[in-house]
Protein backbone atom coordinates (compact mmCIF):
# COMPACT_ATOMS: atom_id res chain seq x y z
CA MET A 1 48.92 10.85 38.15
CA SER A 2 48.49 14.16 36.46
CA SER A 3 48.70 17.43 38.33
CA LEU A 4 45.66 19.36 39.32
CA ARG A 5 46.55 22.11 36.83
CA SER A 6 46.81 19.54 34.08
CA GLN A 7 43.39 18.21 35.05
CA ALA A 8 42.12 21.72 35.01
CA ARG A 9 43.53 22.44 31.57
CA ARG A 10 41.89 19.24 30.17
CA LEU A 11 38.59 20.22 31.74
CA ALA A 12 38.91 23.82 30.37
CA VAL A 13 39.61 22.62 26.89
CA GLN A 14 36.62 20.32 27.02
CA ILE A 15 34.35 23.15 28.20
CA LEU A 16 35.73 25.59 25.67
CA PHE A 17 35.27 23.01 22.86
CA ALA A 18 31.64 22.41 23.90
CA LEU A 19 31.04 26.17 23.93
CA GLU A 20 32.77 26.62 20.53
CA GLU A 21 30.71 23.80 18.95
CA GLY A 22 27.54 24.74 20.75
CA GLY A 23 27.65 28.42 19.81
CA GLY A 24 27.90 29.92 23.21
CA ARG A 25 26.94 29.46 26.79
CA ASP A 26 23.43 29.44 28.20
CA GLN A 27 24.19 28.34 31.75
CA PRO A 28 26.63 29.45 34.40
CA LEU A 29 30.24 28.27 34.01
CA LYS A 30 30.20 26.57 37.40
CA ASP A 31 27.25 24.41 36.37
CA LEU A 32 28.94 23.42 33.08
CA LEU A 33 32.10 22.39 34.91
CA THR A 34 30.28 20.47 37.62
CA ALA A 35 28.29 18.58 34.94
CA ALA A 36 31.40 17.83 32.91
CA ALA A 37 33.54 16.61 35.89
CA PRO A 38 31.36 15.99 38.99
CA ARG A 39 34.24 14.28 40.82
CA ALA A 40 37.00 16.61 39.85
CA PRO A 41 38.98 18.09 42.76
CA LYS A 42 37.75 21.52 43.68
CA GLU A 43 41.28 23.01 42.98
CA ALA A 44 41.13 21.66 39.42
CA VAL A 45 37.62 23.08 38.97
CA ALA A 46 38.70 26.38 40.36
CA TYR A 47 41.65 26.72 37.90
CA ALA A 48 39.50 25.49 35.01
CA THR A 49 36.93 28.16 35.90
CA GLU A 50 39.66 30.85 36.00
CA LEU A 51 41.02 29.66 32.63
CA VAL A 52 37.62 29.50 30.83
CA ALA A 53 36.48 32.87 32.20
CA GLY A 54 39.74 34.51 31.30
CA ILE A 55 39.79 33.03 27.82
CA GLU A 56 36.21 34.17 27.24
CA ALA A 57 37.01 37.62 28.42
CA GLN A 58 40.20 37.91 26.24
CA GLN A 59 38.92 35.79 23.18
CA ALA A 60 38.95 38.68 20.77
CA VAL A 61 42.54 39.56 21.64
CA LEU A 62 43.69 35.94 21.65
CA ASP A 63 42.05 35.23 18.31
CA GLN A 64 43.63 38.30 16.67
CA ARG A 65 47.12 37.17 17.82
CA LEU A 66 46.50 33.53 16.82
CA GLY A 67 45.19 34.54 13.41
CA GLY A 68 48.36 36.57 12.79
CA ALA A 69 50.68 33.76 13.88
CA ALA A 70 49.09 30.74 12.16
CA GLU A 71 50.77 31.02 8.78
CA HIS A 72 48.63 29.98 5.81
CA TRP A 73 45.75 29.31 8.18
CA SER A 74 42.81 31.56 8.87
CA LEU A 75 41.32 31.07 12.33
CA GLU A 76 38.15 29.77 10.67
CA ARG A 77 40.11 26.94 9.09
CA ILE A 78 41.67 25.75 12.32
CA HIS A 79 39.77 22.80 13.91
CA SER A 80 37.75 23.78 16.91
CA ILE A 81 39.63 21.64 19.39
CA GLU A 82 43.02 22.92 18.13
CA LYS A 83 41.65 26.54 18.42
CA CYS A 84 40.60 25.88 21.95
CA ILE A 85 43.99 24.53 22.88
CA LEU A 86 45.79 27.44 21.15
CA ARG A 87 43.60 29.91 23.06
CA LEU A 88 44.33 28.18 26.36
CA GLY A 89 48.10 28.03 25.62
CA LEU A 90 48.27 31.66 24.49
CA TYR A 91 46.22 32.81 27.44
CA GLU A 92 48.61 31.19 29.93
CA LEU A 93 51.64 32.59 27.97
CA THR A 94 50.09 36.07 27.96
CA TYR A 95 48.13 36.42 31.26
CA LYS A 96 49.61 33.93 33.68
CA PRO A 97 53.16 34.98 34.51
CA ASP A 98 53.18 32.49 37.38
CA ILE A 99 53.17 29.66 34.88
CA PRO A 100 56.51 29.16 33.29
CA ALA A 101 56.35 29.57 29.51
CA LYS A 102 57.77 26.17 28.78
CA VAL A 103 55.09 24.63 31.04
CA ALA A 104 52.28 26.45 29.26
CA LEU A 105 53.78 25.36 25.86
CA ASN A 106 54.31 21.74 26.95
CA GLU A 107 50.86 21.45 28.40
CA ALA A 108 49.27 22.75 25.18
CA ILE A 109 51.28 20.24 23.13
CA ASP A 110 50.14 17.46 25.52
CA LEU A 111 46.57 18.53 25.03
CA ALA A 112 46.96 18.59 21.25
CA LYS A 113 48.44 15.06 21.40
CA ARG A 114 45.48 13.92 23.56
CA PHE A 115 42.58 15.60 21.74
CA GLY A 116 43.88 16.53 18.23
CA ASP A 117 44.83 14.55 15.24
CA ASP A 118 48.35 13.09 14.67
CA GLU A 119 49.82 16.46 13.51
CA ALA A 120 47.86 18.72 15.81
CA TRP A 121 50.66 18.99 18.35
CA ARG A 122 53.12 20.16 15.69
CA PHE A 123 50.76 22.97 14.66
CA VAL A 124 50.09 23.94 18.23
CA ASN A 125 53.83 23.91 19.05
CA GLY A 126 54.71 26.02 16.00
CA VAL A 127 52.10 28.76 16.64
CA LEU A 128 52.63 29.00 20.40
CA ASP A 129 56.41 28.84 20.09
CA LYS A 130 56.20 31.85 17.72
CA LEU A 131 53.84 33.83 19.91
CA GLY A 132 55.62 32.98 23.09
CA ALA A 133 59.18 33.31 21.78
CA GLU A 134 60.10 36.50 23.69
CA ARG A 135 58.80 35.14 27.01
CA ILE A 136 60.41 31.72 26.46
CA GLN A 137 63.74 33.36 25.60
CA ALA A 138 63.62 35.78 28.60
CA GLU A 139 62.94 32.93 30.99
CA GLN A 140 65.76 30.83 29.54
CA GLU A 141 68.18 33.67 30.10
CA GLN A 142 67.34 34.00 33.78
């Protein structure tokens, strides 16, 4: 059984992907999440809501950092699902100090293995490892 936060991350990536492919949001986030996962535990929906709202609010900053870290890849060339996973992972690495960096990184890799192609997880790992290197190192030294 997966944790509530893992469920929330999966749900958040699905919503982010739908928004990315659909060109934006025309209904409240709560309605989107309820429609996508009507039986999801309320704690998972609450964290997914927090993630999606935070990623939407910080998307320009996240995309700028991702674009600079993805060597030989412009953000436009990255597949939408991988872009959504990268945004989620970087959001947690940057704005969620209560989530250990290794957890954020491993969860993003797991999402890439689940939703991306065979090599997606390597790409996600490389980009997020580079962007989260300082925080990962600092946590390892504690």
